[in-house]
Amino acid sequence: MDEILDDIERWFGLGQRVAVARVVDIEGSGPREPGAAMAVNALGEVAGSVSGGCVEGAVVGEALELLEGRRSSGITTFGYSDDEAFAVGLTCGGTIHLFIEELDW
């Protein structure tokens, strides 16, 4: 999380809304360990990583939906058997669970 704080502070300073996705659990093989975080602002700018690139685009989409009010905070799961996760490249054979929420500084 420390690696994304500067970007989050800068975005808040510009008046932008920010969502954060954090790895809260993995099952089997996963690209990043629990605690890995990624921030997304309302313009779609990204800081950090939750998957080393394999599902980042899908996570950005989920974060933007949250900031637009089209979904609520909560757990999102990507796994090898999940068609969307496979389509975006999560081929490590595991499952990652992310908690996505809007930050209220």
PDB file of N, CA and C in Angstrom:
ATOM      1  N   MET A   1       0.817  -1.191   0.000  1.00  0.00           N
ATOM      2  CA  MET A   1       0.000   0.000   0.000  1.00  0.00           C
ATOM      3  C   MET A   1       0.864   1.260   0.000  1.00  0.00           C
ATOM      4  N   ASP A   2       2.014   1.197   0.670  1.00  0.00           N
ATOM      5  CA  ASP A   2       2.896   2.371   0.722  1.00  0.00           C
ATOM      6  C   ASP A   2       3.268   2.869  -0.669  1.00  0.00           C
ATOM      7  N   GLU A   3       3.416   1.935  -1.621  1.00  0.00           N
ATOM      8  CA  GLU A   3       3.869   2.314  -2.959  1.00  0.00           C
ATOM      9  C   GLU A   3       2.851   3.155  -3.720  1.00  0.00           C
ATOM     10  N   ILE A   4       1.594   3.173  -3.275  1.00  0.00           N
ATOM     11  CA  ILE A   4       0.570   3.928  -4.004  1.00  0.00           C
ATOM     12  C   ILE A   4       0.108   5.188  -3.265  1.00  0.00           C
ATOM     13  N   LEU A   5       0.617   5.407  -2.060  1.00  0.00           N
ATOM     14  CA  LEU A   5       0.152   6.541  -1.252  1.00  0.00           C
ATOM     15  C   LEU A   5       0.431   7.894  -1.892  1.00  0.00           C
ATOM     16  N   ASP A   6       1.588   8.058  -2.512  1.00  0.00           N
ATOM     17  CA  ASP A   6       1.901   9.345  -3.142  1.00  0.00           C
ATOM     18  C   ASP A   6       0.892   9.676  -4.234  1.00  0.00           C
ATOM     19  N   ASP A   7       0.548   8.664  -5.059  1.00  0.00           N
ATOM     20  CA  ASP A   7      -0.431   8.895  -6.126  1.00  0.00           C
ATOM     21  C   ASP A   7      -1.806   9.207  -5.538  1.00  0.00           C
ATOM     22  N   ILE A   8      -2.198   8.472  -4.508  1.00  0.00           N
ATOM     23  CA  ILE A   8      -3.499   8.714  -3.873  1.00  0.00           C
ATOM     24  C   ILE A   8      -3.556  10.134  -3.310  1.00  0.00           C
ATOM     25  N   GLU A   9      -2.516  10.549  -2.612  1.00  0.00           N
ATOM     26  CA  GLU A   9      -2.486  11.909  -2.048  1.00  0.00           C
ATOM     27  C   GLU A   9      -2.559  12.964  -3.144  1.00  0.00           C
ATOM     28  N   ARG A  10      -1.837  12.732  -4.235  1.00  0.00           N
ATOM     29  CA  ARG A  10      -1.862  13.683  -5.354  1.00  0.00           C
ATOM     30  C   ARG A  10      -3.256  13.764  -5.961  1.00  0.00           C
ATOM     31  N   TRP A  11      -3.885  12.597  -6.169  1.00  0.00           N
ATOM     32  CA  TRP A  11      -5.233  12.581  -6.756  1.00  0.00           C
ATOM     33  C   TRP A  11      -6.237  13.274  -5.851  1.00  0.00           C
ATOM     34  N   PHE A  12      -6.166  13.005  -4.542  1.00  0.00           N
ATOM     35  CA  PHE A  12      -7.065  13.687  -3.613  1.00  0.00           C
ATOM     36  C   PHE A  12      -6.820  15.186  -3.631  1.00  0.00           C
ATOM     37  N   GLY A  13      -5.553  15.589  -3.731  1.00  0.00           N
ATOM     38  CA  GLY A  13      -5.227  17.003  -3.812  1.00  0.00           C
ATOM     39  C   GLY A  13      -5.826  17.680  -5.029  1.00  0.00           C
ATOM     40  N   LEU A  14      -6.051  16.904  -6.080  1.00  0.00           N
ATOM     41  CA  LEU A  14      -6.677  17.418  -7.307  1.00  0.00           C
ATOM     42  C   LEU A  14      -8.200  17.273  -7.273  1.00  0.00           C
ATOM     43  N   GLY A  15      -8.723  16.767  -6.151  1.00  0.00           N
ATOM     44  CA  GLY A  15     -10.172  16.623  -6.002  1.00  0.00           C
ATOM     45  C   GLY A  15     -10.757  15.397  -6.681  1.00  0.00           C
ATOM     46  N   GLN A  16      -9.928  14.425  -7.003  1.00  0.00           N
ATOM     47  CA  GLN A  16     -10.412  13.230  -7.694  1.00  0.00           C
ATOM     48  C   GLN A  16     -10.879  12.164  -6.698  1.00  0.00           C
ATOM     49  N   ARG A  17     -11.880  11.420  -7.095  1.00  0.00           N
ATOM     50  CA  ARG A  17     -12.330  10.274  -6.308  1.00  0.00           C
ATOM     51  C   ARG A  17     -11.422   9.090  -6.623  1.00  0.00           C
ATOM     52  N   VAL A  18     -11.219   8.219  -5.609  1.00  0.00           N
ATOM     53  CA  VAL A  18     -10.268   7.117  -5.741  1.00  0.00           C
ATOM     54  C   VAL A  18     -10.864   5.841  -5.168  1.00  0.00           C
ATOM     55  N   ALA A  19     -10.690   4.750  -5.899  1.00  0.00           N
ATOM     56  CA  ALA A  19     -11.042   3.418  -5.409  1.00  0.00           C
ATOM     57  C   ALA A  19      -9.755   2.631  -5.225  1.00  0.00           C
ATOM     58  N   VAL A  20      -9.763   1.738  -4.238  1.00  0.00           N
ATOM     59  CA  VAL A  20      -8.612   0.877  -3.990  1.00  0.00           C
ATOM     60  C   VAL A  20      -9.071  -0.570  -4.019  1.00  0.00           C
ATOM     61  N   ALA A  21      -8.293  -1.398  -4.714  1.00  0.00           N
ATOM     62  CA  ALA A  21      -8.504  -2.849  -4.736  1.00  0.00           C
ATOM     63  C   ALA A  21      -7.341  -3.484  -3.994  1.00  0.00           C
ATOM     64  N   ARG A  22      -7.656  -4.375  -3.043  1.00  0.00           N
ATOM     65  CA  ARG A  22      -6.609  -5.057  -2.276  1.00  0.00           C
ATOM     66  C   ARG A  22      -6.808  -6.554  -2.369  1.00  0.00           C
ATOM     67  N   VAL A  23      -5.706  -7.279  -2.544  1.00  0.00           N
ATOM     68  CA  VAL A  23      -5.764  -8.742  -2.487  1.00  0.00           C
ATOM     69  C   VAL A  23      -6.004  -9.110  -1.026  1.00  0.00           C
ATOM     70  N   VAL A  24      -7.108  -9.823  -0.770  1.00  0.00           N
ATOM     71  CA  VAL A  24      -7.412 -10.227   0.605  1.00  0.00           C
ATOM     72  C   VAL A  24      -7.211 -11.721   0.817  1.00  0.00           C
ATOM     73  N   ASP A  25      -7.155 -12.496  -0.274  1.00  0.00           N
ATOM     74  CA  ASP A  25      -6.940 -13.936  -0.147  1.00  0.00           C
ATOM     75  C   ASP A  25      -6.570 -14.502  -1.509  1.00  0.00           C
ATOM     76  N   ILE A  26      -5.817 -15.575  -1.504  1.00  0.00           N
ATOM     77  CA  ILE A  26      -5.546 -16.330  -2.730  1.00  0.00           C
ATOM     78  C   ILE A  26      -5.770 -17.802  -2.428  1.00  0.00           C
ATOM     79  N   GLU A  27      -6.193 -18.518  -3.435  1.00  0.00           N
ATOM     80  CA  GLU A  27      -6.329 -19.969  -3.340  1.00  0.00           C
ATOM     81  C   GLU A  27      -5.442 -20.567  -4.416  1.00  0.00           C
ATOM     82  N   GLY A  28      -4.608 -21.492  -4.041  1.00  0.00           N
ATOM     83  CA  GLY A  28      -3.671 -22.071  -5.002  1.00  0.00           C
ATOM     84  C   GLY A  28      -2.593 -21.065  -5.352  1.00  0.00           C
ATOM     85  N   SER A  29      -2.190 -21.081  -6.609  1.00  0.00           N
ATOM     86  CA  SER A  29      -1.143 -20.193  -7.087  1.00  0.00           C
ATOM     87  C   SER A  29      -1.743 -18.837  -7.429  1.00  0.00           C
ATOM     88  N   GLY A  30      -1.123 -17.775  -6.958  1.00  0.00           N
ATOM     89  CA  GLY A  30      -1.601 -16.431  -7.265  1.00  0.00           C
ATOM     90  C   GLY A  30      -0.458 -15.529  -7.667  1.00  0.00           C
ATOM     91  N   PRO A  31      -0.747 -14.523  -8.474  1.00  0.00           N
ATOM     92  CA  PRO A  31       0.307 -13.639  -8.956  1.00  0.00           C
ATOM     93  C   PRO A  31       0.861 -12.694  -7.893  1.00  0.00           C
ATOM     94  N   ARG A  32       0.044 -12.274  -6.917  1.00  0.00           N
ATOM     95  CA  ARG A  32       0.482 -11.370  -5.852  1.00  0.00           C
ATOM     96  C   ARG A  32      -0.067 -11.878  -4.526  1.00  0.00           C
ATOM     97  N   GLU A  33       0.623 -11.561  -3.456  1.00  0.00           N
ATOM     98  CA  GLU A  33       0.231 -12.005  -2.114  1.00  0.00           C
ATOM     99  C   GLU A  33      -0.839 -11.086  -1.525  1.00  0.00           C
ATOM    100  N   PRO A  34      -1.592 -11.582  -0.521  1.00  0.00           N
ATOM    101  CA  PRO A  34      -2.536 -10.709   0.179  1.00  0.00           C
ATOM    102  C   PRO A  34      -1.828  -9.453   0.679  1.00  0.00           C
ATOM    103  N   GLY A  35      -2.530  -8.342   0.561  1.00  0.00           N
ATOM    104  CA  GLY A  35      -1.969  -7.048   0.920  1.00  0.00           C
ATOM    105  C   GLY A  35      -1.589  -6.218  -0.287  1.00  0.00           C
ATOM    106  N   ALA A  36      -1.347  -6.865  -1.429  1.00  0.00           N
ATOM    107  CA  ALA A  36      -1.031  -6.111  -2.645  1.00  0.00           C
ATOM    108  C   ALA A  36      -2.218  -5.205  -2.964  1.00  0.00           C
ATOM    109  N   ALA A  37      -1.930  -3.986  -3.414  1.00  0.00           N
ATOM    110  CA  ALA A  37      -3.003  -3.013  -3.631  1.00  0.00           C
ATOM    111  C   ALA A  37      -2.813  -2.251  -4.933  1.00  0.00           C
ATOM    112  N   MET A  38      -3.943  -1.799  -5.449  1.00  0.00           N
ATOM    113  CA  MET A  38      -3.960  -0.979  -6.653  1.00  0.00           C
ATOM    114  C   MET A  38      -4.994   0.116  -6.447  1.00  0.00           C
ATOM    115  N   ALA A  39      -4.642   1.350  -6.789  1.00  0.00           N
ATOM    116  CA  ALA A  39      -5.574   2.471  -6.706  1.00  0.00           C
ATOM    117  C   ALA A  39      -5.954   2.896  -8.116  1.00  0.00           C
ATOM    118  N   VAL A  40      -7.201   3.324  -8.256  1.00  0.00           N
ATOM    119  CA  VAL A  40      -7.712   3.788  -9.545  1.00  0.00           C
ATOM    120  C   VAL A  40      -8.476   5.078  -9.285  1.00  0.00           C
ATOM    121  N   ASN A  41      -8.171   6.134 -10.050  1.00  0.00           N
ATOM    122  CA  ASN A  41      -8.957   7.354  -9.882  1.00  0.00           C
ATOM    123  C   ASN A  41     -10.079   7.377 -10.921  1.00  0.00           C
ATOM    124  N   ALA A  42     -10.960   8.356 -10.803  1.00  0.00           N
ATOM    125  CA  ALA A  42     -12.139   8.425 -11.664  1.00  0.00           C
ATOM    126  C   ALA A  42     -11.795   8.648 -13.136  1.00  0.00           C
ATOM    127  N   LEU A  43     -10.554   9.060 -13.407  1.00  0.00           N
ATOM    128  CA  LEU A  43     -10.110   9.232 -14.794  1.00  0.00           C
ATOM    129  C   LEU A  43      -9.531   7.948 -15.375  1.00  0.00           C
ATOM    130  N   GLY A  44      -9.434   6.899 -14.542  1.00  0.00           N
ATOM    131  CA  GLY A  44      -8.889   5.624 -14.997  1.00  0.00           C
ATOM    132  C   GLY A  44      -7.394   5.499 -14.837  1.00  0.00           C
ATOM    133  N   GLU A  45      -6.761   6.468 -14.156  1.00  0.00           N
ATOM    134  CA  GLU A  45      -5.325   6.366 -13.896  1.00  0.00           C
ATOM    135  C   GLU A  45      -5.107   5.334 -12.791  1.00  0.00           C
ATOM    136  N   VAL A  46      -3.999   4.606 -12.888  1.00  0.00           N
ATOM    137  CA  VAL A  46      -3.757   3.463 -12.001  1.00  0.00           C
ATOM    138  C   VAL A  46      -2.407   3.595 -11.316  1.00  0.00           C
ATOM    139  N   ALA A  47      -2.379   3.177 -10.044  1.00  0.00           N
ATOM    140  CA  ALA A  47      -1.125   3.075  -9.294  1.00  0.00           C
ATOM    141  C   ALA A  47      -1.125   1.721  -8.599  1.00  0.00           C
ATOM    142  N   GLY A  48      -0.002   1.020  -8.611  1.00  0.00           N
ATOM    143  CA  GLY A  48       0.111  -0.273  -7.954  1.00  0.00           C
ATOM    144  C   GLY A  48      -0.369  -1.418  -8.833  1.00  0.00           C
ATOM    145  N   SER A  49      -0.413  -2.605  -8.234  1.00  0.00           N
ATOM    146  CA  SER A  49      -0.776  -3.811  -8.972  1.00  0.00           C
ATOM    147  C   SER A  49      -1.336  -4.863  -8.017  1.00  0.00           C
ATOM    148  N   VAL A  50      -2.358  -5.571  -8.484  1.00  0.00           N
ATOM    149  CA  VAL A  50      -2.907  -6.671  -7.686  1.00  0.00           C
ATOM    150  C   VAL A  50      -2.669  -8.024  -8.338  1.00  0.00           C
ATOM    151  N   SER A  51      -2.173  -8.004  -9.577  1.00  0.00           N
ATOM    152  CA  SER A  51      -2.021  -9.286 -10.262  1.00  0.00           C
ATOM    153  C   SER A  51      -0.818  -9.357 -11.180  1.00  0.00           C
ATOM    154  N   GLY A  52       0.068  -8.423 -11.088  1.00  0.00           N
ATOM    155  CA  GLY A  52       1.217  -8.463 -11.975  1.00  0.00           C
ATOM    156  C   GLY A  52       0.842  -8.276 -13.429  1.00  0.00           C
ATOM    157  N   GLY A  53      -0.351  -7.770 -13.685  1.00  0.00           N
ATOM    158  CA  GLY A  53      -0.776  -7.463 -15.041  1.00  0.00           C
ATOM    159  C   GLY A  53      -1.866  -8.343 -15.600  1.00  0.00           C
ATOM    160  N   CYS A  54      -2.066  -9.547 -15.033  1.00  0.00           N
ATOM    161  CA  CYS A  54      -2.968 -10.484 -15.703  1.00  0.00           C
ATOM    162  C   CYS A  54      -4.449 -10.139 -15.599  1.00  0.00           C
ATOM    163  N   VAL A  55      -4.912  -9.480 -14.559  1.00  0.00           N
ATOM    164  CA  VAL A  55      -6.322  -9.078 -14.494  1.00  0.00           C
ATOM    165  C   VAL A  55      -6.489  -7.583 -14.204  1.00  0.00           C
ATOM    166  N   GLU A  56      -5.420  -6.840 -14.355  1.00  0.00           N
ATOM    167  CA  GLU A  56      -5.470  -5.416 -14.025  1.00  0.00           C
ATOM    168  C   GLU A  56      -6.593  -4.683 -14.766  1.00  0.00           C
ATOM    169  N   GLY A  57      -6.753  -4.930 -16.047  1.00  0.00           N
ATOM    170  CA  GLY A  57      -7.789  -4.236 -16.819  1.00  0.00           C
ATOM    171  C   GLY A  57      -9.178  -4.492 -16.280  1.00  0.00           C
ATOM    172  N   ALA A  58      -9.459  -5.727 -15.917  1.00  0.00           N
ATOM    173  CA  ALA A  58     -10.772  -6.062 -15.357  1.00  0.00           C
ATOM    174  C   ALA A  58     -10.966  -5.390 -14.000  1.00  0.00           C
ATOM    175  N   VAL A  59      -9.917  -5.301 -13.208  1.00  0.00           N
ATOM    176  CA  VAL A  59     -10.009  -4.663 -11.889  1.00  0.00           C
ATOM    177  C   VAL A  59     -10.242  -3.167 -12.058  1.00  0.00           C
ATOM    178  N   VAL A  60      -9.581  -2.541 -13.016  1.00  0.00           N
ATOM    179  CA  VAL A  60      -9.820  -1.123 -13.289  1.00  0.00           C
ATOM    180  C   VAL A  60     -11.287  -0.918 -13.651  1.00  0.00           C
ATOM    181  N   GLY A  61     -11.828  -1.801 -14.480  1.00  0.00           N
ATOM    182  CA  GLY A  61     -13.241  -1.709 -14.843  1.00  0.00           C
ATOM    183  C   GLY A  61     -14.159  -1.800 -13.637  1.00  0.00           C
ATOM    184  N   GLU A  62     -13.872  -2.732 -12.734  1.00  0.00           N
ATOM    185  CA  GLU A  62     -14.668  -2.879 -11.511  1.00  0.00           C
ATOM    186  C   GLU A  62     -14.563  -1.624 -10.639  1.00  0.00           C
ATOM    187  N   ALA A  63     -13.361  -1.074 -10.524  1.00  0.00           N
ATOM    188  CA  ALA A  63     -13.162   0.130  -9.710  1.00  0.00           C
ATOM    189  C   ALA A  63     -13.902   1.325 -10.304  1.00  0.00           C
ATOM    190  N   LEU A  64     -13.864   1.466 -11.614  1.00  0.00           N
ATOM    191  CA  LEU A  64     -14.579   2.565 -12.256  1.00  0.00           C
ATOM    192  C   LEU A  64     -16.087   2.412 -12.095  1.00  0.00           C
ATOM    193  N   GLU A  65     -16.594   1.187 -12.177  1.00  0.00           N
ATOM    194  CA  GLU A  65     -18.017   0.954 -11.939  1.00  0.00           C
ATOM    195  C   GLU A  65     -18.399   1.389 -10.530  1.00  0.00           C
ATOM    196  N   LEU A  66     -17.542   1.099  -9.566  1.00  0.00           N
ATOM    197  CA  LEU A  66     -17.798   1.499  -8.189  1.00  0.00           C
ATOM    198  C   LEU A  66     -17.842   3.024  -8.085  1.00  0.00           C
ATOM    199  N   LEU A  67     -16.868   3.705  -8.677  1.00  0.00           N
ATOM    200  CA  LEU A  67     -16.825   5.162  -8.610  1.00  0.00           C
ATOM    201  C   LEU A  67     -17.992   5.811  -9.341  1.00  0.00           C
ATOM    202  N   GLU A  68     -18.551   5.118 -10.334  1.00  0.00           N
ATOM    203  CA  GLU A  68     -19.699   5.623 -11.082  1.00  0.00           C
ATOM    204  C   GLU A  68     -21.026   5.240 -10.428  1.00  0.00           C
ATOM    205  N   GLY A  69     -20.960   4.504  -9.313  1.00  0.00           N
ATOM    206  CA  GLY A  69     -22.174   4.113  -8.609  1.00  0.00           C
ATOM    207  C   GLY A  69     -22.895   2.919  -9.206  1.00  0.00           C
ATOM    208  N   ARG A  70     -22.233   2.164 -10.077  1.00  0.00           N
ATOM    209  CA  ARG A  70     -22.865   1.009 -10.721  1.00  0.00           C
ATOM    210  C   ARG A  70     -22.579  -0.304 -10.013  1.00  0.00           C
ATOM    211  N   ARG A  71     -21.817  -0.274  -8.938  1.00  0.00           N
ATOM    212  CA  ARG A  71     -21.579  -1.440  -8.087  1.00  0.00           C
ATOM    213  C   ARG A  71     -21.219  -0.947  -6.700  1.00  0.00           C
ATOM    214  N   SER A  72     -21.299  -1.830  -5.713  1.00  0.00           N
ATOM    215  CA  SER A  72     -20.932  -1.438  -4.348  1.00  0.00           C
ATOM    216  C   SER A  72     -19.586  -2.021  -3.982  1.00  0.00           C
ATOM    217  N   SER A  73     -19.060  -1.503  -2.876  1.00  0.00           N
ATOM    218  CA  SER A  73     -17.817  -2.049  -2.332  1.00  0.00           C
ATOM    219  C   SER A  73     -18.023  -3.514  -2.006  1.00  0.00           C
ATOM    220  N   GLY A  74     -16.958  -4.284  -2.093  1.00  0.00           N
ATOM    221  CA  GLY A  74     -17.057  -5.682  -1.717  1.00  0.00           C
ATOM    222  C   GLY A  74     -16.002  -6.537  -2.377  1.00  0.00           C
ATOM    223  N   ILE A  75     -16.181  -7.831  -2.187  1.00  0.00           N
ATOM    224  CA  ILE A  75     -15.229  -8.821  -2.697  1.00  0.00           C
ATOM    225  C   ILE A  75     -15.513  -9.126  -4.165  1.00  0.00           C
ATOM    226  N   THR A  76     -14.458  -9.149  -4.955  1.00  0.00           N
ATOM    227  CA  THR A  76     -14.507  -9.586  -6.350  1.00  0.00           C
ATOM    228  C   THR A  76     -13.489 -10.703  -6.498  1.00  0.00           C
ATOM    229  N   THR A  77     -13.867 -11.761  -7.185  1.00  0.00           N
ATOM    230  CA  THR A  77     -13.012 -12.938  -7.305  1.00  0.00           C
ATOM    231  C   THR A  77     -12.686 -13.221  -8.761  1.00  0.00           C
ATOM    232  N   PHE A  78     -11.419 -13.535  -9.008  1.00  0.00           N
ATOM    233  CA  PHE A  78     -10.976 -13.989 -10.317  1.00  0.00           C
ATOM    234  C   PHE A  78     -10.252 -15.308 -10.130  1.00  0.00           C
ATOM    235  N   GLY A  79     -10.616 -16.300 -10.942  1.00  0.00           N
ATOM    236  CA  GLY A  79      -9.973 -17.599 -10.844  1.00  0.00           C
ATOM    237  C   GLY A  79      -9.801 -18.230 -12.204  1.00  0.00           C
ATOM    238  N   TYR A  80      -9.022 -19.274 -12.247  1.00  0.00           N
ATOM    239  CA  TYR A  80      -8.703 -19.941 -13.504  1.00  0.00           C
ATOM    240  C   TYR A  80      -9.950 -20.436 -14.226  1.00  0.00           C
ATOM    241  N   SER A  81     -10.942 -20.912 -13.468  1.00  0.00           N
ATOM    242  CA  SER A  81     -12.153 -21.431 -14.112  1.00  0.00           C
ATOM    243  C   SER A  81     -13.126 -20.324 -14.466  1.00  0.00           C
ATOM    244  N   ASP A  82     -12.867 -19.115 -14.038  1.00  0.00           N
ATOM    245  CA  ASP A  82     -13.708 -17.969 -14.321  1.00  0.00           C
ATOM    246  C   ASP A  82     -13.431 -17.521 -15.755  1.00  0.00           C
ATOM    247  N   ASP A  83     -14.439 -17.577 -16.627  1.00  0.00           N
ATOM    248  CA  ASP A  83     -14.242 -17.243 -18.039  1.00  0.00           C
ATOM    249  C   ASP A  83     -13.621 -15.868 -18.237  1.00  0.00           C
ATOM    250  N   GLU A  84     -14.101 -14.875 -17.470  1.00  0.00           N
ATOM    251  CA  GLU A  84     -13.559 -13.525 -17.624  1.00  0.00           C
ATOM    252  C   GLU A  84     -12.097 -13.484 -17.203  1.00  0.00           C
ATOM    253  N   ALA A  85     -11.774 -14.118 -16.106  1.00  0.00           N
ATOM    254  CA  ALA A  85     -10.380 -14.106 -15.643  1.00  0.00           C
ATOM    255  C   ALA A  85      -9.475 -14.786 -16.658  1.00  0.00           C
ATOM    256  N   PHE A  86      -9.920 -15.896 -17.222  1.00  0.00           N
ATOM    257  CA  PHE A  86      -9.105 -16.578 -18.229  1.00  0.00           C
ATOM    258  C   PHE A  86      -8.935 -15.686 -19.453  1.00  0.00           C
ATOM    259  N   ALA A  87     -10.020 -15.008 -19.838  1.00  0.00           N
ATOM    260  CA  ALA A  87      -9.968 -14.146 -21.017  1.00  0.00           C
ATOM    261  C   ALA A  87      -8.970 -13.014 -20.836  1.00  0.00           C
ATOM    262  N   VAL A  88      -8.836 -12.503 -19.599  1.00  0.00           N
ATOM    263  CA  VAL A  88      -7.900 -11.408 -19.375  1.00  0.00           C
ATOM    264  C   VAL A  88      -6.531 -11.895 -18.951  1.00  0.00           C
ATOM    265  N   GLY A  89      -6.342 -13.207 -18.812  1.00  0.00           N
ATOM    266  CA  GLY A  89      -5.001 -13.721 -18.640  1.00  0.00           C
ATOM    267  C   GLY A  89      -4.628 -14.331 -17.307  1.00  0.00           C
ATOM    268  N   LEU A  90      -5.571 -14.607 -16.393  1.00  0.00           N
ATOM    269  CA  LEU A  90      -5.217 -15.234 -15.117  1.00  0.00           C
ATOM    270  C   LEU A  90      -5.073 -16.735 -15.349  1.00  0.00           C
ATOM    271  N   THR A  91      -3.898 -17.128 -15.793  1.00  0.00           N
ATOM    272  CA  THR A  91      -3.663 -18.526 -16.171  1.00  0.00           C
ATOM    273  C   THR A  91      -2.782 -19.241 -15.157  1.00  0.00           C
ATOM    274  N   CYS A  92      -2.569 -18.642 -13.985  1.00  0.00           N
ATOM    275  CA  CYS A  92      -1.667 -19.241 -12.997  1.00  0.00           C
ATOM    276  C   CYS A  92      -2.309 -20.441 -12.297  1.00  0.00           C
ATOM    277  N   GLY A  93      -3.596 -20.661 -12.519  1.00  0.00           N
ATOM    278  CA  GLY A  93      -4.252 -21.822 -11.940  1.00  0.00           C
ATOM    279  C   GLY A  93      -4.879 -21.564 -10.594  1.00  0.00           C
ATOM    280  N   GLY A  94      -4.694 -20.395 -10.016  1.00  0.00           N
ATOM    281  CA  GLY A  94      -5.248 -20.084  -8.707  1.00  0.00           C
ATOM    282  C   GLY A  94      -6.438 -19.157  -8.799  1.00  0.00           C
ATOM    283  N   THR A  95      -6.860 -18.705  -7.634  1.00  0.00           N
ATOM    284  CA  THR A  95      -7.975 -17.771  -7.518  1.00  0.00           C
ATOM    285  C   THR A  95      -7.532 -16.630  -6.618  1.00  0.00           C
ATOM    286  N   ILE A  96      -7.843 -15.387  -7.030  1.00  0.00           N
ATOM    287  CA  ILE A  96      -7.541 -14.249  -6.171  1.00  0.00           C
ATOM    288  C   ILE A  96      -8.847 -13.578  -5.766  1.00  0.00           C
ATOM    289  N   HIS A  97      -8.892 -13.159  -4.510  1.00  0.00           N
ATOM    290  CA  HIS A  97     -10.050 -12.454  -3.967  1.00  0.00           C
ATOM    291  C   HIS A  97      -9.604 -11.031  -3.644  1.00  0.00           C
ATOM    292  N   LEU A  98     -10.322 -10.059  -4.194  1.00  0.00           N
ATOM    293  CA  LEU A  98      -9.992  -8.657  -4.016  1.00  0.00           C
ATOM    294  C   LEU A  98     -11.118  -7.950  -3.284  1.00  0.00           C
ATOM    295  N   PHE A  99     -10.779  -7.041  -2.389  1.00  0.00           N
ATOM    296  CA  PHE A  99     -11.775  -6.159  -1.798  1.00  0.00           C
ATOM    297  C   PHE A  99     -11.595  -4.811  -2.462  1.00  0.00           C
ATOM    298  N   ILE A 100     -12.673  -4.309  -3.081  1.00  0.00           N
ATOM    299  CA  ILE A 100     -12.624  -3.038  -3.797  1.00  0.00           C
ATOM    300  C   ILE A 100     -13.549  -2.056  -3.083  1.00  0.00           C
ATOM    301  N   GLU A 101     -12.993  -0.880  -2.760  1.00  0.00           N
ATOM    302  CA  GLU A 101     -13.775   0.136  -2.065  1.00  0.00           C
ATOM    303  C   GLU A 101     -13.335   1.515  -2.490  1.00  0.00           C
ATOM    304  N   GLU A 102     -14.229   2.492  -2.329  1.00  0.00           N
ATOM    305  CA  GLU A 102     -13.856   3.882  -2.555  1.00  0.00           C
ATOM    306  C   GLU A 102     -13.211   4.395  -1.280  1.00  0.00           C
ATOM    307  N   LEU A 103     -12.139   5.145  -1.448  1.00  0.00           N
ATOM    308  CA  LEU A 103     -11.475   5.743  -0.284  1.00  0.00           C
ATOM    309  C   LEU A 103     -12.182   7.041   0.092  1.00  0.00           C
ATOM    310  N   ASP A 104     -12.340   7.232   1.372  1.00  0.00           N
ATOM    311  CA  ASP A 104     -12.886   8.462   1.900  1.00  0.00           C
ATOM    312  C   ASP A 104     -11.821   9.057   2.793  1.00  0.00           C
ATOM    313  N   TRP A 105     -10.978   9.894   2.217  1.00  0.00           N
ATOM    314  CA  TRP A 105      -9.822  10.417   2.913  1.00  0.00           C
ATOM    315  C   TRP A 105     -10.321  11.220   4.064  1.00  0.00           C
TER     316      TRP A 105
END
